[in-house]
C-alpha cells in the first residue's frame, strides 16, 4: 500500500481497505514527456490565447470608466447622450469576459 494522507479533510482518509486496494491497483495517469506532443484532451484551442480574462476585463473596466466620464462631463450633449449605452456595453462586456479562462 502507498502512504495515504492522514488529514481528516482528505477524501483518501475516509476510504475503507477495499477502496484503498482498488485505488492502489489503478494505473498511473497518462502523461507525456517533455519532447512528446501533449495528449488531445490537454491541447489548447488556438483562439484561447486571445481570450484571456485579464486584458479583456481591463478593457471592459476602461469602457465603463469612459461611460462614467461621458456621463459627468458638462461640455457635449452628444457624449452625454451616448454615456448610458457606453456604460451598458462596458458592463455587459465585463459580465461576459469574467467567464473567460485566466
N, C-alpha and C. Protein backbone atom coordinates (compact mmCIF):
# COMPACT_ATOMS: atom_id res chain seq x y z
N UNK A 1 0.83 -1.18 0.00
CA UNK A 1 0.00 0.00 0.00
C UNK A 1 0.87 1.25 0.00
N UNK A 2 0.35 2.29 -0.62
CA UNK A 2 1.07 3.55 -0.62
C UNK A 2 0.69 4.36 0.62
N UNK A 3 1.50 5.35 0.90
CA UNK A 3 1.21 6.21 2.05
C UNK A 3 0.05 7.13 1.69
N UNK A 4 -0.95 7.12 2.49
CA UNK A 4 -2.13 7.96 2.28
C UNK A 4 -2.05 9.15 3.23
N UNK A 5 -2.63 10.28 2.84
CA UNK A 5 -2.65 11.43 3.74
C UNK A 5 -3.44 11.12 5.00
N UNK A 6 -3.03 11.71 6.09
CA UNK A 6 -3.70 11.46 7.36
C UNK A 6 -4.63 12.59 7.76
N UNK A 7 -4.77 13.59 6.92
CA UNK A 7 -5.64 14.71 7.22
C UNK A 7 -7.09 14.23 7.26
N UNK A 8 -7.87 14.67 8.25
CA UNK A 8 -9.28 14.26 8.28
C UNK A 8 -10.09 14.87 7.15
N UNK A 9 -9.54 15.87 6.47
CA UNK A 9 -10.25 16.52 5.37
C UNK A 9 -9.95 15.85 4.03
N UNK A 10 -9.06 14.90 4.01
CA UNK A 10 -8.70 14.21 2.79
C UNK A 10 -9.75 13.17 2.43
N UNK A 11 -10.07 13.04 1.16
CA UNK A 11 -11.00 12.01 0.70
C UNK A 11 -10.41 10.63 0.95
N UNK A 12 -9.09 10.51 0.79
CA UNK A 12 -8.45 9.22 0.99
C UNK A 12 -8.55 8.74 2.44
N UNK A 13 -8.69 9.64 3.39
CA UNK A 13 -8.77 9.24 4.80
C UNK A 13 -10.08 8.52 5.11
N UNK A 14 -11.09 8.70 4.28
CA UNK A 14 -12.38 8.06 4.53
C UNK A 14 -12.55 6.76 3.76
N UNK A 15 -11.54 6.35 3.03
CA UNK A 15 -11.65 5.12 2.23
C UNK A 15 -11.47 3.89 3.10
N UNK A 16 -12.26 2.87 2.81
CA UNK A 16 -12.08 1.61 3.53
C UNK A 16 -10.97 0.81 2.86
N UNK A 17 -10.49 -0.27 3.45
CA UNK A 17 -9.37 -1.02 2.88
C UNK A 17 -9.62 -1.55 1.47
N UNK A 18 -10.85 -1.94 1.15
CA UNK A 18 -11.14 -2.42 -0.21
C UNK A 18 -10.99 -1.29 -1.22
N UNK A 19 -11.44 -0.11 -0.86
CA UNK A 19 -11.30 1.04 -1.76
C UNK A 19 -9.83 1.43 -1.90
N UNK A 20 -9.06 1.33 -0.83
CA UNK A 20 -7.63 1.64 -0.92
C UNK A 20 -6.92 0.66 -1.84
N UNK A 21 -7.26 -0.63 -1.75
CA UNK A 21 -6.63 -1.62 -2.65
C UNK A 21 -7.00 -1.34 -4.09
N UNK A 22 -8.25 -0.96 -4.33
CA UNK A 22 -8.68 -0.64 -5.70
C UNK A 22 -7.95 0.60 -6.21
N UNK A 23 -7.76 1.60 -5.35
CA UNK A 23 -7.05 2.81 -5.77
C UNK A 23 -5.58 2.51 -6.05
N UNK A 24 -4.98 1.62 -5.27
CA UNK A 24 -3.58 1.26 -5.49
C UNK A 24 -3.40 0.46 -6.77
N UNK A 25 -4.44 -0.25 -7.20
CA UNK A 25 -4.34 -1.09 -8.40
C UNK A 25 -4.53 -0.29 -9.68
N UNK A 26 -5.00 0.95 -9.58
CA UNK A 26 -5.20 1.76 -10.78
C UNK A 26 -3.87 2.08 -11.44
N UNK A 27 -3.86 2.14 -12.78
CA UNK A 27 -2.61 2.51 -13.45
C UNK A 27 -2.30 3.99 -13.24
N UNK A 28 -1.06 4.34 -13.42
CA UNK A 28 -0.66 5.74 -13.30
C UNK A 28 -1.33 6.55 -14.40
N UNK A 29 -1.63 7.82 -14.16
CA UNK A 29 -2.27 8.62 -15.20
C UNK A 29 -1.34 8.80 -16.39
N UNK A 30 -1.90 8.85 -17.60
CA UNK A 30 -1.05 9.04 -18.77
C UNK A 30 -0.46 10.44 -18.78
N UNK A 31 0.77 10.52 -19.16
CA UNK A 31 1.41 11.82 -19.27
C UNK A 31 2.44 11.76 -20.39
N UNK A 32 2.78 12.89 -20.89
CA UNK A 32 3.73 12.96 -22.00
C UNK A 32 5.07 13.46 -21.48
N UNK A 33 6.13 12.99 -22.09
CA UNK A 33 7.46 13.50 -21.77
C UNK A 33 7.58 14.90 -22.38
N UNK A 34 8.63 15.60 -22.01
CA UNK A 34 8.79 16.97 -22.47
C UNK A 34 8.91 17.07 -23.99
N UNK A 35 9.44 16.04 -24.64
CA UNK A 35 9.64 16.13 -26.09
C UNK A 35 8.48 15.51 -26.87
N UNK A 36 7.44 15.01 -26.18
CA UNK A 36 6.30 14.42 -26.86
C UNK A 36 5.20 15.45 -27.05
N UNK A 37 4.36 15.19 -28.02
CA UNK A 37 3.18 16.03 -28.25
C UNK A 37 2.18 15.76 -27.12
N UNK A 38 1.51 16.80 -26.57
CA UNK A 38 0.57 16.56 -25.48
C UNK A 38 -0.64 15.75 -25.94
N UNK A 39 -1.28 15.11 -24.99
CA UNK A 39 -2.48 14.35 -25.31
C UNK A 39 -3.57 15.28 -25.81
N UNK A 40 -4.50 14.76 -26.58
CA UNK A 40 -5.53 15.59 -27.23
C UNK A 40 -6.35 16.38 -26.22
N UNK A 41 -6.68 15.78 -25.08
CA UNK A 41 -7.52 16.49 -24.13
C UNK A 41 -6.80 17.64 -23.44
N UNK A 42 -5.47 17.70 -23.57
CA UNK A 42 -4.71 18.78 -22.95
C UNK A 42 -4.30 19.86 -23.95
N UNK A 43 -4.63 19.69 -25.20
CA UNK A 43 -4.28 20.71 -26.19
C UNK A 43 -5.18 21.93 -26.01
N UNK A 44 -4.62 23.09 -26.24
CA UNK A 44 -5.36 24.34 -26.06
C UNK A 44 -5.81 24.84 -27.43
N UNK A 45 -7.04 25.30 -27.48
CA UNK A 45 -7.58 25.84 -28.72
C UNK A 45 -6.76 27.07 -29.12
N UNK A 46 -6.48 27.26 -30.41
CA UNK A 46 -5.66 28.41 -30.83
C UNK A 46 -6.24 29.76 -30.43
N UNK A 47 -7.56 29.87 -30.38
CA UNK A 47 -8.17 31.15 -30.02
C UNK A 47 -8.05 31.44 -28.52
N UNK A 48 -7.69 30.44 -27.73
CA UNK A 48 -7.64 30.62 -26.27
C UNK A 48 -6.59 31.65 -25.86
N UNK A 49 -5.56 31.82 -26.65
CA UNK A 49 -4.54 32.80 -26.26
C UNK A 49 -5.04 34.23 -26.40
N UNK A 50 -6.05 34.45 -27.23
CA UNK A 50 -6.60 35.80 -27.40
C UNK A 50 -7.73 36.09 -26.42
N UNK A 51 -8.33 35.07 -25.87
CA UNK A 51 -9.47 35.25 -24.98
C UNK A 51 -9.10 34.92 -23.54
N UNK A 52 -8.13 35.65 -23.01
CA UNK A 52 -7.74 35.54 -21.60
C UNK A 52 -8.50 36.60 -20.81
N UNK A 53 -8.79 36.30 -19.57
CA UNK A 53 -9.63 37.17 -18.77
C UNK A 53 -9.00 38.54 -18.49
N UNK A 54 -7.75 38.56 -18.11
CA UNK A 54 -7.11 39.79 -17.65
C UNK A 54 -7.21 40.99 -18.58
N UNK A 55 -6.70 40.88 -19.81
CA UNK A 55 -6.74 42.05 -20.71
C UNK A 55 -8.16 42.48 -21.07
N UNK A 56 -9.07 41.53 -21.23
CA UNK A 56 -10.44 41.87 -21.61
C UNK A 56 -11.18 42.51 -20.44
N UNK A 57 -10.91 42.06 -19.22
CA UNK A 57 -11.53 42.72 -18.07
C UNK A 57 -11.01 44.15 -17.93
N UNK A 58 -9.73 44.35 -18.19
CA UNK A 58 -9.18 45.71 -18.14
C UNK A 58 -9.84 46.60 -19.19
N UNK A 59 -10.04 46.07 -20.40
CA UNK A 59 -10.69 46.85 -21.45
C UNK A 59 -12.13 47.19 -21.06
N UNK A 60 -12.85 46.23 -20.50
CA UNK A 60 -14.23 46.48 -20.08
C UNK A 60 -14.28 47.53 -18.97
N UNK A 61 -13.32 47.48 -18.06
CA UNK A 61 -13.27 48.46 -16.98
C UNK A 61 -13.00 49.86 -17.53
N UNK A 62 -12.13 49.95 -18.52
CA UNK A 62 -11.84 51.24 -19.15
C UNK A 62 -13.07 51.78 -19.86
N UNK A 63 -13.83 50.90 -20.53
CA UNK A 63 -15.05 51.34 -21.21
C UNK A 63 -16.08 51.83 -20.19
N UNK A 64 -16.21 51.14 -19.06
CA UNK A 64 -17.12 51.59 -18.01
C UNK A 64 -16.69 52.96 -17.48
N UNK A 65 -15.40 53.13 -17.23
CA UNK A 65 -14.90 54.42 -16.75
C UNK A 65 -15.14 55.52 -17.78
N UNK A 66 -14.96 55.19 -19.06
CA UNK A 66 -15.22 56.16 -20.12
C UNK A 66 -16.69 56.56 -20.13
N UNK A 67 -17.59 55.61 -19.90
CA UNK A 67 -19.02 55.91 -19.82
C UNK A 67 -19.34 56.82 -18.65
N UNK A 68 -18.69 56.61 -17.52
CA UNK A 68 -18.91 57.48 -16.36
C UNK A 68 -18.41 58.89 -16.65
N UNK A 69 -17.25 58.99 -17.27
CA UNK A 69 -16.71 60.31 -17.63
C UNK A 69 -17.63 61.01 -18.61
N UNK A 70 -18.14 60.26 -19.60
CA UNK A 70 -19.07 60.84 -20.57
C UNK A 70 -20.35 61.32 -19.87
N UNK A 71 -20.78 60.60 -18.85
CA UNK A 71 -22.00 60.97 -18.13
C UNK A 71 -21.81 62.25 -17.31
N UNK A 72 -20.61 62.47 -16.78
CA UNK A 72 -20.40 63.57 -15.86
C UNK A 72 -19.82 64.83 -16.51
N UNK A 73 -19.43 64.77 -17.76
CA UNK A 73 -18.82 65.95 -18.38
C UNK A 73 -19.90 66.98 -18.74
N UNK A 74 -19.58 68.28 -18.64
CA UNK A 74 -20.59 69.32 -18.90
C UNK A 74 -20.49 69.95 -20.29
N UNK A 75 -19.72 69.38 -21.21
CA UNK A 75 -19.42 70.07 -22.46
C UNK A 75 -20.26 69.62 -23.65
N UNK A 76 -20.49 68.33 -23.81
CA UNK A 76 -21.10 67.83 -25.04
C UNK A 76 -22.36 67.03 -24.73
N UNK A 77 -23.45 67.44 -25.37
CA UNK A 77 -24.70 66.70 -25.23
C UNK A 77 -24.61 65.36 -25.95
N UNK A 78 -23.81 65.30 -27.01
CA UNK A 78 -23.62 64.05 -27.76
C UNK A 78 -22.98 62.99 -26.86
N UNK A 79 -21.91 63.37 -26.16
CA UNK A 79 -21.26 62.42 -25.25
C UNK A 79 -22.19 62.00 -24.12
N UNK A 80 -22.95 62.96 -23.58
CA UNK A 80 -23.90 62.64 -22.53
C UNK A 80 -24.96 61.66 -23.03
N UNK A 81 -25.41 61.88 -24.27
CA UNK A 81 -26.44 61.02 -24.84
C UNK A 81 -25.98 59.58 -25.03
N UNK A 82 -24.70 59.40 -25.32
CA UNK A 82 -24.17 58.05 -25.55
C UNK A 82 -23.56 57.44 -24.29
N UNK A 83 -23.58 58.15 -23.17
CA UNK A 83 -22.93 57.63 -21.96
C UNK A 83 -23.62 56.39 -21.42
N UNK A 84 -24.95 56.35 -21.44
CA UNK A 84 -25.64 55.18 -20.92
C UNK A 84 -25.36 53.95 -21.77
N UNK A 85 -25.35 54.12 -23.08
CA UNK A 85 -25.05 52.99 -23.97
C UNK A 85 -23.63 52.48 -23.74
N UNK A 86 -22.70 53.40 -23.51
CA UNK A 86 -21.31 53.02 -23.25
C UNK A 86 -21.20 52.26 -21.93
N UNK A 87 -21.88 52.78 -20.90
CA UNK A 87 -21.89 52.09 -19.61
C UNK A 87 -22.51 50.69 -19.73
N UNK A 88 -23.61 50.61 -20.43
CA UNK A 88 -24.29 49.32 -20.61
C UNK A 88 -23.42 48.34 -21.37
N UNK A 89 -22.76 48.81 -22.42
CA UNK A 89 -21.88 47.94 -23.20
C UNK A 89 -20.70 47.47 -22.35
N UNK A 90 -20.09 48.38 -21.60
CA UNK A 90 -18.96 48.00 -20.75
C UNK A 90 -19.35 47.02 -19.66
N UNK A 91 -20.53 47.19 -19.09
CA UNK A 91 -21.00 46.28 -18.05
C UNK A 91 -21.29 44.90 -18.64
N UNK A 92 -21.97 44.86 -19.78
CA UNK A 92 -22.26 43.58 -20.42
C UNK A 92 -20.96 42.89 -20.84
N UNK A 93 -20.02 43.67 -21.34
CA UNK A 93 -18.73 43.10 -21.74
C UNK A 93 -18.01 42.51 -20.52
N UNK A 94 -18.03 43.23 -19.40
CA UNK A 94 -17.38 42.73 -18.19
C UNK A 94 -18.04 41.44 -17.73
N UNK A 95 -19.36 41.37 -17.82
CA UNK A 95 -20.08 40.16 -17.42
C UNK A 95 -19.66 38.97 -18.27
N UNK A 96 -19.51 39.19 -19.57
CA UNK A 96 -19.13 38.09 -20.48
C UNK A 96 -17.69 37.69 -20.27
N UNK A 97 -16.78 38.64 -20.23
CA UNK A 97 -15.36 38.29 -20.16
C UNK A 97 -14.95 37.78 -18.79
N UNK A 98 -15.78 38.00 -17.77
CA UNK A 98 -15.43 37.44 -16.46
C UNK A 98 -15.56 35.93 -16.45
N UNK A 99 -16.14 35.35 -17.49
CA UNK A 99 -16.24 33.89 -17.60
C UNK A 99 -15.14 33.30 -18.47
N UNK A 100 -14.24 34.12 -19.00
CA UNK A 100 -13.11 33.61 -19.77
C UNK A 100 -12.13 32.92 -18.82
N UNK A 101 -11.26 32.09 -19.39
CA UNK A 101 -10.24 31.44 -18.57
C UNK A 101 -9.17 32.43 -18.17
N UNK A 102 -8.49 32.14 -17.06
CA UNK A 102 -7.43 33.03 -16.58
C UNK A 102 -6.23 33.03 -17.49
